[in-house]
Amino acid sequence: MTHIVIISTSFPLNNSGAEAAGSFVADFVQELSKFAQVTVLAPGYENKYEKNDAYNIQWFAVPRLPLSSLRPTSLVNWISILRTLNSGTSAITELHNNYPCDYILALWALPSGYWANYTMKKFGVPYSTWALGSDIWSLGKVPLVKNILKKVLQDSHYCFADGYTLKEDVETISQRNFLYLASSRQLTVSKKNNIAIEQPYNLAFRGRWHVN
């Protein structure tokens, strides 16, 4: 069976969904495991290997979580950034040596795409990249990092974007075509709630609570 490795910085540590996009990624991996052997490579607090009925998880230790808190525009963060990159590189190398990868899907462009690109150059493993938004709108503005981002995207087998506006933005950076691929959740609705017609009202926000 084809062995697909998902490199993601958003996989939930405890299935709480507290990580950005964490619950969605877990649902995506669960569905993908129906069609292939899947291993998730993700940053964590310690080096640890987990196995369940559907897929495997290889955690690799990083100096700080979440990785989104590491700002490349801040010089004090660069020691942690370099340690994180080295840790991920060692983890994907060890994983491939022990359980050879047939294909890699990077969630998201950076730093996951950086590790996928390394694996392609080192072992010839093809990869695709899925851009979510924050990795593009923030890192795509940092001069040196923007060049790495562009190279990662140009070397990708396929490139996906979670949004039409994002698709246009990342096509401008990478100078290549992207496919729109929406994120989704598996939600179980146990009962239907009646709509409140008097106070107090319960309001639901559906959108991106983000400056972008």
N, C-alpha and C. Protein backbone atom coordinates (compact mmCIF):
# COMPACT_ATOMS: atom_id res chain seq x y z
N MET A 1 0.84 -1.20 0.00
CA MET A 1 0.00 0.00 0.00
C MET A 1 0.88 1.25 0.00
N THR A 2 0.45 2.26 -0.73
CA THR A 2 1.18 3.51 -0.80
C THR A 2 1.32 4.15 0.58
N HIS A 3 2.54 4.58 0.90
CA HIS A 3 2.79 5.23 2.19
C HIS A 3 2.88 6.74 1.98
N ILE A 4 1.88 7.45 2.48
CA ILE A 4 1.83 8.90 2.38
C ILE A 4 2.17 9.51 3.74
N VAL A 5 3.09 10.46 3.73
CA VAL A 5 3.46 11.17 4.95
C VAL A 5 2.86 12.56 4.92
N ILE A 6 2.12 12.89 5.95
CA ILE A 6 1.56 14.22 6.10
C ILE A 6 2.46 14.99 7.07
N ILE A 7 3.14 16.02 6.59
CA ILE A 7 3.92 16.87 7.47
C ILE A 7 3.07 18.09 7.81
N SER A 8 2.70 18.21 9.07
CA SER A 8 1.80 19.29 9.46
C SER A 8 2.23 19.91 10.78
N THR A 9 2.16 21.23 10.84
CA THR A 9 2.43 21.95 12.08
C THR A 9 1.15 22.20 12.86
N SER A 10 0.05 21.63 12.39
CA SER A 10 -1.25 21.92 13.01
C SER A 10 -1.95 20.68 13.55
N PHE A 11 -1.23 19.56 13.66
CA PHE A 11 -1.90 18.36 14.14
C PHE A 11 -2.14 18.48 15.65
N PRO A 12 -3.36 18.17 16.11
CA PRO A 12 -3.69 18.38 17.53
C PRO A 12 -2.93 17.43 18.45
N LEU A 13 -2.36 17.99 19.49
CA LEU A 13 -1.60 17.19 20.46
C LEU A 13 -2.51 16.29 21.28
N ASN A 14 -3.71 16.78 21.56
CA ASN A 14 -4.62 16.01 22.42
C ASN A 14 -6.03 15.94 21.87
N ASN A 15 -6.16 16.15 20.55
CA ASN A 15 -7.46 16.09 19.89
C ASN A 15 -8.45 17.13 20.40
N SER A 16 -7.90 18.21 20.99
CA SER A 16 -8.78 19.25 21.51
C SER A 16 -9.18 20.25 20.44
N GLY A 17 -8.39 20.29 19.35
CA GLY A 17 -8.68 21.25 18.30
C GLY A 17 -8.18 22.65 18.62
N ALA A 18 -7.41 22.78 19.71
CA ALA A 18 -6.93 24.09 20.11
C ALA A 18 -5.91 24.64 19.12
N GLU A 19 -5.14 23.75 18.46
CA GLU A 19 -4.18 24.20 17.47
C GLU A 19 -4.93 24.74 16.25
N ALA A 20 -4.31 25.71 15.59
CA ALA A 20 -4.92 26.26 14.39
C ALA A 20 -5.14 25.15 13.38
N ALA A 21 -6.35 25.00 12.93
CA ALA A 21 -6.72 23.99 11.92
C ALA A 21 -6.56 22.57 12.42
N GLY A 22 -6.29 22.39 13.71
CA GLY A 22 -5.99 21.06 14.23
C GLY A 22 -7.08 20.04 14.00
N SER A 23 -8.31 20.38 14.32
CA SER A 23 -9.40 19.42 14.17
C SER A 23 -9.61 19.05 12.70
N PHE A 24 -9.49 20.02 11.83
CA PHE A 24 -9.66 19.75 10.40
C PHE A 24 -8.59 18.80 9.90
N VAL A 25 -7.33 19.00 10.31
CA VAL A 25 -6.25 18.15 9.85
C VAL A 25 -6.45 16.71 10.32
N ALA A 26 -6.87 16.55 11.56
CA ALA A 26 -7.12 15.21 12.09
C ALA A 26 -8.21 14.50 11.29
N ASP A 27 -9.27 15.22 10.95
CA ASP A 27 -10.35 14.64 10.15
C ASP A 27 -9.86 14.27 8.75
N PHE A 28 -9.02 15.14 8.17
CA PHE A 28 -8.48 14.90 6.84
C PHE A 28 -7.62 13.64 6.82
N VAL A 29 -6.76 13.49 7.81
CA VAL A 29 -5.88 12.33 7.90
C VAL A 29 -6.70 11.05 8.10
N GLN A 30 -7.71 11.14 8.92
CA GLN A 30 -8.58 9.99 9.17
C GLN A 30 -9.22 9.50 7.87
N GLU A 31 -9.68 10.44 7.05
CA GLU A 31 -10.32 10.08 5.79
C GLU A 31 -9.30 9.53 4.79
N LEU A 32 -8.12 10.15 4.72
CA LEU A 32 -7.10 9.73 3.78
C LEU A 32 -6.60 8.32 4.09
N SER A 33 -6.60 7.96 5.37
CA SER A 33 -6.10 6.65 5.79
C SER A 33 -6.96 5.50 5.27
N LYS A 34 -8.15 5.80 4.73
CA LYS A 34 -8.98 4.77 4.14
C LYS A 34 -8.43 4.31 2.79
N PHE A 35 -7.53 5.11 2.20
CA PHE A 35 -7.05 4.84 0.85
C PHE A 35 -5.55 4.58 0.78
N ALA A 36 -4.83 4.84 1.87
CA ALA A 36 -3.38 4.66 1.86
C ALA A 36 -2.88 4.48 3.29
N GLN A 37 -1.66 4.01 3.40
CA GLN A 37 -1.00 3.99 4.70
C GLN A 37 -0.53 5.41 4.98
N VAL A 38 -0.91 5.97 6.12
CA VAL A 38 -0.63 7.37 6.41
C VAL A 38 0.18 7.48 7.70
N THR A 39 1.22 8.28 7.64
CA THR A 39 1.99 8.66 8.82
C THR A 39 2.01 10.17 8.92
N VAL A 40 1.70 10.68 10.10
CA VAL A 40 1.75 12.12 10.35
C VAL A 40 3.06 12.45 11.02
N LEU A 41 3.75 13.45 10.50
CA LEU A 41 4.97 13.96 11.13
C LEU A 41 4.65 15.36 11.63
N ALA A 42 4.77 15.56 12.94
CA ALA A 42 4.33 16.83 13.52
C ALA A 42 5.20 17.24 14.70
N PRO A 43 5.37 18.53 14.94
CA PRO A 43 6.13 19.01 16.09
C PRO A 43 5.38 18.78 17.39
N GLY A 44 6.12 18.47 18.44
CA GLY A 44 5.51 18.24 19.74
C GLY A 44 6.47 18.62 20.85
N TYR A 45 6.15 18.23 22.06
CA TYR A 45 6.99 18.54 23.21
C TYR A 45 8.10 17.52 23.41
N GLU A 46 7.98 16.36 22.76
CA GLU A 46 8.99 15.32 22.89
C GLU A 46 8.97 14.43 21.65
N ASN A 47 10.05 13.70 21.46
CA ASN A 47 10.11 12.72 20.37
C ASN A 47 9.30 11.50 20.79
N LYS A 48 8.27 11.21 20.02
CA LYS A 48 7.37 10.12 20.41
C LYS A 48 6.68 9.55 19.19
N TYR A 49 6.51 8.24 19.17
CA TYR A 49 5.83 7.55 18.07
C TYR A 49 4.53 6.95 18.59
N GLU A 50 3.43 7.24 17.90
CA GLU A 50 2.12 6.72 18.28
C GLU A 50 1.52 5.97 17.11
N LYS A 51 0.76 4.95 17.43
CA LYS A 51 0.12 4.14 16.39
C LYS A 51 -1.32 3.86 16.80
N ASN A 52 -2.24 4.08 15.88
CA ASN A 52 -3.63 3.71 16.13
C ASN A 52 -4.15 2.86 14.97
N ASP A 53 -5.41 2.57 14.98
CA ASP A 53 -5.98 1.67 13.97
C ASP A 53 -5.93 2.25 12.56
N ALA A 54 -5.94 3.59 12.45
CA ALA A 54 -6.06 4.22 11.13
C ALA A 54 -4.72 4.74 10.59
N TYR A 55 -3.89 5.34 11.44
CA TYR A 55 -2.66 5.96 10.97
C TYR A 55 -1.65 6.05 12.12
N ASN A 56 -0.43 6.46 11.76
CA ASN A 56 0.65 6.59 12.74
C ASN A 56 1.02 8.07 12.89
N ILE A 57 1.57 8.41 14.04
CA ILE A 57 2.02 9.78 14.29
C ILE A 57 3.44 9.74 14.83
N GLN A 58 4.31 10.51 14.19
CA GLN A 58 5.68 10.67 14.67
C GLN A 58 5.84 12.12 15.14
N TRP A 59 5.95 12.30 16.43
CA TRP A 59 6.17 13.63 17.00
C TRP A 59 7.67 13.89 17.09
N PHE A 60 8.08 15.12 16.83
CA PHE A 60 9.48 15.48 17.03
C PHE A 60 9.54 16.74 17.90
N ALA A 61 10.48 16.74 18.83
CA ALA A 61 10.55 17.81 19.83
C ALA A 61 11.06 19.11 19.22
N VAL A 62 10.40 20.21 19.58
CA VAL A 62 10.79 21.54 19.15
C VAL A 62 10.91 22.44 20.37
N PRO A 63 11.66 23.54 20.25
CA PRO A 63 11.88 24.42 21.41
C PRO A 63 10.62 25.11 21.91
N ARG A 64 9.69 25.40 20.97
CA ARG A 64 8.52 26.18 21.39
C ARG A 64 7.32 25.86 20.51
N LEU A 65 6.16 25.84 21.13
CA LEU A 65 4.88 25.66 20.44
C LEU A 65 3.92 26.75 20.87
N PRO A 66 3.02 27.19 19.96
CA PRO A 66 2.94 26.78 18.55
C PRO A 66 4.05 27.41 17.72
N LEU A 67 4.34 26.80 16.58
CA LEU A 67 5.40 27.32 15.73
C LEU A 67 5.05 28.69 15.16
N SER A 68 3.78 29.01 15.10
CA SER A 68 3.36 30.31 14.58
C SER A 68 3.83 31.46 15.47
N SER A 69 4.24 31.14 16.71
CA SER A 69 4.73 32.18 17.62
C SER A 69 6.18 32.56 17.32
N LEU A 70 6.84 31.77 16.46
CA LEU A 70 8.21 32.08 16.08
C LEU A 70 8.19 33.04 14.90
N ARG A 71 8.62 34.26 15.14
CA ARG A 71 8.57 35.30 14.11
C ARG A 71 9.94 35.46 13.45
N PRO A 72 10.05 35.20 12.14
CA PRO A 72 11.34 35.36 11.46
C PRO A 72 11.80 36.81 11.40
N THR A 73 10.91 37.76 11.66
CA THR A 73 11.30 39.17 11.67
C THR A 73 11.96 39.56 12.99
N SER A 74 11.96 38.64 13.97
CA SER A 74 12.58 38.90 15.27
C SER A 74 13.87 38.10 15.38
N LEU A 75 14.99 38.78 15.57
CA LEU A 75 16.29 38.10 15.63
C LEU A 75 16.37 37.13 16.81
N VAL A 76 15.69 37.44 17.91
CA VAL A 76 15.76 36.58 19.09
C VAL A 76 15.09 35.23 18.85
N ASN A 77 14.24 35.14 17.83
CA ASN A 77 13.55 33.89 17.52
C ASN A 77 14.36 32.95 16.63
N TRP A 78 15.44 33.44 16.03
CA TRP A 78 16.11 32.66 15.00
C TRP A 78 16.83 31.43 15.53
N ILE A 79 17.29 31.47 16.78
CA ILE A 79 17.90 30.26 17.34
C ILE A 79 16.86 29.14 17.43
N SER A 80 15.67 29.49 17.92
CA SER A 80 14.59 28.50 18.01
C SER A 80 14.13 28.05 16.63
N ILE A 81 14.10 28.98 15.67
CA ILE A 81 13.69 28.63 14.31
C ILE A 81 14.66 27.63 13.69
N LEU A 82 15.96 27.88 13.84
CA LEU A 82 16.96 26.97 13.27
C LEU A 82 16.94 25.62 13.96
N ARG A 83 16.75 25.61 15.27
CA ARG A 83 16.64 24.34 15.99
C ARG A 83 15.41 23.57 15.55
N THR A 84 14.32 24.27 15.30
CA THR A 84 13.09 23.63 14.83
C THR A 84 13.29 23.03 13.44
N LEU A 85 13.92 23.78 12.54
CA LEU A 85 14.16 23.28 11.19
C LEU A 85 15.06 22.05 11.22
N ASN A 86 16.10 22.08 12.05
CA ASN A 86 17.01 20.93 12.16
C ASN A 86 16.30 19.72 12.75
N SER A 87 15.44 19.96 13.73
CA SER A 87 14.71 18.86 14.36
C SER A 87 13.78 18.19 13.36
N GLY A 88 13.07 18.99 12.56
CA GLY A 88 12.18 18.43 11.55
C GLY A 88 12.92 17.69 10.47
N THR A 89 14.08 18.22 10.07
CA THR A 89 14.90 17.56 9.05
C THR A 89 15.38 16.19 9.53
N SER A 90 15.82 16.13 10.78
CA SER A 90 16.27 14.85 11.35
C SER A 90 15.12 13.86 11.45
N ALA A 91 13.93 14.39 11.80
CA ALA A 91 12.76 13.52 12.00
C ALA A 91 12.31 12.90 10.68
N ILE A 92 12.23 13.69 9.61
CA ILE A 92 11.77 13.15 8.34
C ILE A 92 12.81 12.21 7.75
N THR A 93 14.10 12.47 8.00
CA THR A 93 15.16 11.57 7.54
C THR A 93 15.05 10.22 8.23
N GLU A 94 14.89 10.24 9.55
CA GLU A 94 14.76 8.99 10.31
C GLU A 94 13.51 8.22 9.91
N LEU A 95 12.41 8.95 9.72
CA LEU A 95 11.16 8.31 9.32
C LEU A 95 11.30 7.62 7.98
N HIS A 96 11.88 8.31 7.00
CA HIS A 96 12.03 7.73 5.67
C HIS A 96 12.97 6.53 5.68
N ASN A 97 14.02 6.59 6.49
CA ASN A 97 14.96 5.47 6.57
C ASN A 97 14.30 4.24 7.18
N ASN A 98 13.40 4.45 8.12
CA ASN A 98 12.74 3.33 8.80
C ASN A 98 11.50 2.84 8.05
N TYR A 99 10.73 3.80 7.52
CA TYR A 99 9.49 3.47 6.80
C TYR A 99 9.44 4.33 5.54
N PRO A 100 10.06 3.88 4.46
CA PRO A 100 10.20 4.69 3.25
C PRO A 100 8.89 5.35 2.79
N CYS A 101 8.99 6.62 2.45
CA CYS A 101 7.82 7.40 2.03
C CYS A 101 7.66 7.30 0.52
N ASP A 102 6.44 7.15 0.07
CA ASP A 102 6.13 7.19 -1.36
C ASP A 102 5.73 8.59 -1.81
N TYR A 103 5.12 9.33 -0.90
CA TYR A 103 4.64 10.66 -1.26
C TYR A 103 4.49 11.48 0.02
N ILE A 104 4.68 12.79 -0.09
CA ILE A 104 4.55 13.69 1.05
C ILE A 104 3.56 14.79 0.70
N LEU A 105 2.68 15.10 1.65
CA LEU A 105 1.80 16.25 1.53
C LEU A 105 2.13 17.20 2.67
N ALA A 106 2.56 18.40 2.31
CA ALA A 106 2.96 19.40 3.29
C ALA A 106 1.81 20.31 3.64
N LEU A 107 1.45 20.31 4.92
CA LEU A 107 0.44 21.21 5.46
C LEU A 107 1.12 22.05 6.54
N TRP A 108 1.67 23.17 6.23
CA TRP A 108 1.35 24.06 5.12
C TRP A 108 2.64 24.40 4.36
N ALA A 109 2.66 25.52 3.63
CA ALA A 109 3.81 25.80 2.77
C ALA A 109 5.12 25.89 3.56
N LEU A 110 5.11 26.60 4.66
CA LEU A 110 6.28 26.70 5.54
C LEU A 110 5.85 26.56 6.98
N PRO A 111 6.64 25.83 7.79
CA PRO A 111 7.89 25.16 7.43
C PRO A 111 7.72 23.74 6.88
N SER A 112 6.48 23.22 6.84
CA SER A 112 6.27 21.84 6.39
C SER A 112 6.81 21.62 4.98
N GLY A 113 6.59 22.58 4.09
CA GLY A 113 7.07 22.47 2.74
C GLY A 113 8.59 22.46 2.66
N TYR A 114 9.23 23.14 3.60
CA TYR A 114 10.69 23.13 3.66
C TYR A 114 11.21 21.72 3.89
N TRP A 115 10.60 21.00 4.84
CA TRP A 115 11.01 19.62 5.13
C TRP A 115 10.68 18.68 3.97
N ALA A 116 9.53 18.91 3.32
CA ALA A 116 9.16 18.09 2.17
C ALA A 116 10.14 18.31 1.01
N ASN A 117 10.52 19.56 0.81
CA ASN A 117 11.47 19.88 -0.26
C ASN A 117 12.83 19.24 0.00
N TYR A 118 13.25 19.25 1.26
CA TYR A 118 14.51 18.60 1.64
C TYR A 118 14.45 17.10 1.32
N THR A 119 13.33 16.46 1.64
CA THR A 119 13.18 15.02 1.42
C THR A 119 13.20 14.69 -0.07
N MET A 120 12.60 15.58 -0.87
CA MET A 120 12.63 15.36 -2.32
C MET A 120 14.06 15.42 -2.85
N LYS A 121 14.83 16.41 -2.39
CA LYS A 121 16.20 16.56 -2.87
C LYS A 121 17.11 15.44 -2.35
N LYS A 122 16.87 15.00 -1.13
CA LYS A 122 17.72 14.00 -0.49
C LYS A 122 17.40 12.58 -0.96
N PHE A 123 16.09 12.27 -1.06
CA PHE A 123 15.68 10.89 -1.34
C PHE A 123 14.84 10.74 -2.61
N GLY A 124 14.50 11.85 -3.26
CA GLY A 124 13.70 11.76 -4.48
C GLY A 124 12.23 11.51 -4.25
N VAL A 125 11.73 11.82 -3.04
CA VAL A 125 10.32 11.61 -2.73
C VAL A 125 9.50 12.82 -3.20
N PRO A 126 8.54 12.65 -4.09
CA PRO A 126 7.73 13.78 -4.55
C PRO A 126 6.81 14.29 -3.44
N TYR A 127 6.45 15.56 -3.56
CA TYR A 127 5.56 16.16 -2.56
C TYR A 127 4.63 17.18 -3.18
N SER A 128 3.54 17.43 -2.49
CA SER A 128 2.63 18.51 -2.85
C SER A 128 2.45 19.40 -1.63
N THR A 129 2.04 20.63 -1.88
CA THR A 129 1.92 21.62 -0.81
C THR A 129 0.51 22.17 -0.77
N TRP A 130 0.00 22.32 0.44
CA TRP A 130 -1.33 22.88 0.66
C TRP A 130 -1.17 24.17 1.45
N ALA A 131 -1.51 25.29 0.86
CA ALA A 131 -1.40 26.59 1.53
C ALA A 131 -2.72 26.91 2.24
N LEU A 132 -2.60 27.36 3.47
CA LEU A 132 -3.80 27.65 4.26
C LEU A 132 -4.10 29.14 4.34
N GLY A 133 -3.07 29.97 4.43
CA GLY A 133 -3.32 31.42 4.50
C GLY A 133 -2.28 32.14 5.32
N SER A 134 -2.18 31.81 6.59
CA SER A 134 -1.24 32.50 7.47
C SER A 134 0.19 32.33 7.01
N ASP A 135 0.52 31.13 6.49
CA ASP A 135 1.88 30.88 6.02
C ASP A 135 2.23 31.75 4.82
N ILE A 136 1.23 32.14 4.06
CA ILE A 136 1.47 32.95 2.86
C ILE A 136 1.42 34.43 3.19
N TRP A 137 0.39 34.86 3.89
CA TRP A 137 0.19 36.28 4.14
C TRP A 137 1.20 36.87 5.11
N SER A 138 1.78 36.05 5.96
CA SER A 138 2.78 36.56 6.89
C SER A 138 4.19 36.30 6.37
N LEU A 139 4.54 35.04 6.13
CA LEU A 139 5.90 34.68 5.71
C LEU A 139 6.21 35.16 4.30
N GLY A 140 5.17 35.32 3.48
CA GLY A 140 5.38 35.77 2.11
C GLY A 140 5.82 37.21 2.01
N LYS A 141 5.87 37.91 3.14
CA LYS A 141 6.29 39.31 3.16
C LYS A 141 7.72 39.49 3.66
N VAL A 142 8.33 38.42 4.15
CA VAL A 142 9.70 38.49 4.67
C VAL A 142 10.66 38.18 3.53
N PRO A 143 11.56 39.12 3.16
CA PRO A 143 12.38 38.98 1.95
C PRO A 143 13.06 37.62 1.77
N LEU A 144 13.93 37.20 2.69
CA LEU A 144 14.65 35.94 2.52
C LEU A 144 13.71 34.74 2.58
N VAL A 145 12.79 34.77 3.51
CA VAL A 145 11.84 33.67 3.67
C VAL A 145 10.94 33.55 2.43
N LYS A 146 10.61 34.68 1.83
CA LYS A 146 9.77 34.67 0.64
C LYS A 146 10.44 33.89 -0.49
N ASN A 147 11.76 33.99 -0.62
CA ASN A 147 12.48 33.25 -1.66
C ASN A 147 12.41 31.74 -1.40
N ILE A 148 12.55 31.35 -0.13
CA ILE A 148 12.44 29.93 0.23
C ILE A 148 11.04 29.43 -0.05
N LEU A 149 10.05 30.24 0.30
CA LEU A 149 8.65 29.90 0.06
C LEU A 149 8.40 29.69 -1.43
N LYS A 150 8.91 30.58 -2.25
CA LYS A 150 8.72 30.48 -3.69
C LYS A 150 9.35 29.19 -4.24
N LYS A 151 10.54 28.86 -3.77
CA LYS A 151 11.23 27.65 -4.22
C LYS A 151 10.47 26.40 -3.82
N VAL A 152 9.96 26.37 -2.59
CA VAL A 152 9.18 25.23 -2.11
C VAL A 152 7.96 25.01 -2.98
N LEU A 153 7.28 26.07 -3.33
CA LEU A 153 6.07 25.97 -4.12
C LEU A 153 6.37 25.59 -5.57
N GLN A 154 7.42 26.13 -6.13
CA GLN A 154 7.76 25.82 -7.51
C GLN A 154 8.21 24.37 -7.69
N ASP A 155 8.78 23.78 -6.65
CA ASP A 155 9.24 22.39 -6.73
C ASP A 155 8.15 21.39 -6.39
N SER A 156 6.99 21.87 -5.93
CA SER A 156 5.91 20.97 -5.55
C SER A 156 5.30 20.29 -6.77
N HIS A 157 4.92 19.02 -6.59
CA HIS A 157 4.24 18.28 -7.64
C HIS A 157 2.91 18.95 -7.96
N TYR A 158 2.09 19.14 -6.93
CA TYR A 158 0.86 19.91 -7.04
C TYR A 158 0.85 20.95 -5.93
N CYS A 159 0.12 22.02 -6.17
CA CYS A 159 -0.05 23.06 -5.16
C CYS A 159 -1.54 23.32 -4.96
N PHE A 160 -1.96 23.36 -3.71
CA PHE A 160 -3.36 23.59 -3.37
C PHE A 160 -3.46 24.82 -2.48
N ALA A 161 -4.62 25.47 -2.52
CA ALA A 161 -4.88 26.63 -1.67
C ALA A 161 -6.29 26.54 -1.12
N ASP A 162 -6.41 26.89 0.14
CA ASP A 162 -7.69 26.83 0.84
C ASP A 162 -8.37 28.19 0.77
N GLY A 163 -8.82 28.58 -0.43
CA GLY A 163 -9.48 29.87 -0.61
C GLY A 163 -9.15 30.45 -1.97
N TYR A 164 -10.12 31.11 -2.57
CA TYR A 164 -9.92 31.65 -3.92
C TYR A 164 -9.02 32.88 -3.91
N THR A 165 -9.19 33.76 -2.93
CA THR A 165 -8.31 34.92 -2.83
C THR A 165 -6.89 34.49 -2.51
N LEU A 166 -6.77 33.53 -1.60
CA LEU A 166 -5.46 32.99 -1.27
C LEU A 166 -4.82 32.37 -2.51
N LYS A 167 -5.60 31.67 -3.30
CA LYS A 167 -5.10 31.05 -4.53
C LYS A 167 -4.46 32.09 -5.43
N GLU A 168 -5.11 33.23 -5.59
CA GLU A 168 -4.56 34.30 -6.43
C GLU A 168 -3.29 34.88 -5.83
N ASP A 169 -3.30 35.06 -4.51
CA ASP A 169 -2.13 35.65 -3.85
C ASP A 169 -0.90 34.75 -3.96
N VAL A 170 -1.10 33.45 -3.74
CA VAL A 170 0.04 32.55 -3.74
C VAL A 170 0.51 32.24 -5.16
N GLU A 171 -0.38 32.34 -6.14
CA GLU A 171 0.03 32.19 -7.54
C GLU A 171 0.94 33.34 -7.94
N THR A 172 0.69 34.53 -7.39
CA THR A 172 1.53 35.68 -7.67
C THR A 172 2.94 35.48 -7.11
N ILE A 173 3.01 34.92 -5.90
CA ILE A 173 4.31 34.68 -5.26
C ILE A 173 5.08 33.57 -5.98
N SER A 174 4.40 32.48 -6.28
CA SER A 174 5.08 31.29 -6.81
C SER A 174 5.22 31.30 -8.33
N GLN A 175 4.38 32.10 -9.01
CA GLN A 175 4.36 32.15 -10.47
C GLN A 175 4.04 30.77 -11.07
N ARG A 176 3.08 30.10 -10.46
CA ARG A 176 2.59 28.83 -10.99
C ARG A 176 1.11 28.69 -10.62
N ASN A 177 0.43 27.75 -11.26
CA ASN A 177 -0.99 27.55 -11.03
C ASN A 177 -1.23 26.73 -9.77
N PHE A 178 -2.31 27.09 -9.07
CA PHE A 178 -2.74 26.37 -7.88
C PHE A 178 -4.13 25.79 -8.11
N LEU A 179 -4.44 24.74 -7.38
CA LEU A 179 -5.77 24.15 -7.37
C LEU A 179 -6.47 24.54 -6.07
N TYR A 180 -7.75 24.85 -6.16
CA TYR A 180 -8.51 25.17 -4.96
C TYR A 180 -8.91 23.87 -4.25
N LEU A 181 -8.56 23.76 -2.99
CA LEU A 181 -8.91 22.59 -2.18
C LEU A 181 -9.40 23.09 -0.82
N ALA A 182 -10.69 22.91 -0.59
CA ALA A 182 -11.30 23.43 0.63
C ALA A 182 -11.01 22.53 1.81
N SER A 183 -10.87 23.12 2.99
CA SER A 183 -10.79 22.34 4.22
C SER A 183 -12.20 22.03 4.69
N SER A 184 -12.35 20.95 5.46
CA SER A 184 -13.68 20.56 5.90
C SER A 184 -13.57 19.76 7.19
N ARG A 185 -14.66 19.64 7.88
CA ARG A 185 -14.73 18.90 9.14
C ARG A 185 -15.78 17.81 9.05
N GLN A 186 -15.59 16.77 9.85
CA GLN A 186 -16.61 15.74 10.02
C GLN A 186 -17.37 16.07 11.30
N LEU A 187 -18.58 16.57 11.16
CA LEU A 187 -19.35 17.01 12.31
C LEU A 187 -20.55 16.08 12.51
N THR A 188 -20.74 15.70 13.73
CA THR A 188 -21.88 14.86 14.09
C THR A 188 -22.93 15.71 14.78
N VAL A 189 -24.11 15.81 14.18
CA VAL A 189 -25.20 16.60 14.75
C VAL A 189 -26.15 15.63 15.46
N SER A 190 -26.22 15.76 16.77
CA SER A 190 -27.04 14.83 17.55
C SER A 190 -28.50 15.26 17.62
N LYS A 191 -28.73 16.56 17.57
CA LYS A 191 -30.11 17.03 17.62
C LYS A 191 -30.22 18.40 16.97
N LYS A 192 -31.40 18.75 16.58
CA LYS A 192 -31.65 20.04 15.95
C LYS A 192 -32.18 21.01 16.99
N ASN A 193 -31.50 22.14 17.12
CA ASN A 193 -31.92 23.15 18.10
C ASN A 193 -32.91 24.12 17.47
N ASN A 194 -33.88 24.52 18.24
CA ASN A 194 -34.84 25.52 17.79
C ASN A 194 -34.20 26.90 17.79
N ILE A 195 -34.61 27.72 16.83
CA ILE A 195 -34.10 29.09 16.75
C ILE A 195 -34.78 29.94 17.82
N ALA A 196 -33.94 30.67 18.58
CA ALA A 196 -34.49 31.53 19.63
C ALA A 196 -35.23 32.71 19.03
N ILE A 197 -36.41 32.99 19.53
CA ILE A 197 -37.20 34.12 19.02
C ILE A 197 -37.27 35.26 20.04
N GLU A 198 -36.63 35.07 21.18
CA GLU A 198 -36.55 36.13 22.17
C GLU A 198 -35.24 36.01 22.93
N GLN A 199 -34.85 37.07 23.62
CA GLN A 199 -33.59 37.06 24.37
C GLN A 199 -33.64 36.06 25.51
N PRO A 200 -32.48 35.49 25.91
CA PRO A 200 -31.13 35.74 25.35
C PRO A 200 -30.88 34.94 24.07
N TYR A 201 -30.15 35.57 23.15
CA TYR A 201 -29.83 34.93 21.88
C TYR A 201 -28.42 34.31 21.94
N ASN A 202 -28.24 33.22 21.25
CA ASN A 202 -26.90 32.63 21.06
C ASN A 202 -26.45 32.92 19.63
N LEU A 203 -25.30 33.58 19.51
CA LEU A 203 -24.80 33.97 18.20
C LEU A 203 -23.58 33.13 17.84
N ALA A 204 -23.49 32.76 16.58
CA ALA A 204 -22.35 32.00 16.08
C ALA A 204 -21.60 32.83 15.06
N PHE A 205 -20.29 32.88 15.20
CA PHE A 205 -19.45 33.60 14.23
C PHE A 205 -18.84 32.59 13.28
N ARG A 206 -19.05 32.79 12.00
CA ARG A 206 -18.45 31.91 10.99
C ARG A 206 -17.57 32.77 10.10
N GLY A 207 -16.28 32.67 10.30
CA GLY A 207 -15.36 33.48 9.51
C GLY A 207 -13.95 33.33 10.01
N ARG A 208 -13.09 34.23 9.62
CA ARG A 208 -11.68 34.18 10.02
C ARG A 208 -11.40 35.30 11.02
N TRP A 209 -11.15 34.92 12.26
CA TRP A 209 -10.86 35.90 13.31
C TRP A 209 -9.39 36.28 13.21
N HIS A 210 -9.07 37.05 12.18
CA HIS A 210 -7.68 37.30 11.83
C HIS A 210 -7.62 38.64 11.11
N VAL A 211 -6.48 39.31 11.22
CA VAL A 211 -6.33 40.62 10.60
C VAL A 211 -6.54 40.55 9.09
N ASN A 212 -6.26 39.39 8.49
CA ASN A 212 -6.43 39.25 7.04
C ASN A 212 -7.90 39.08 6.65
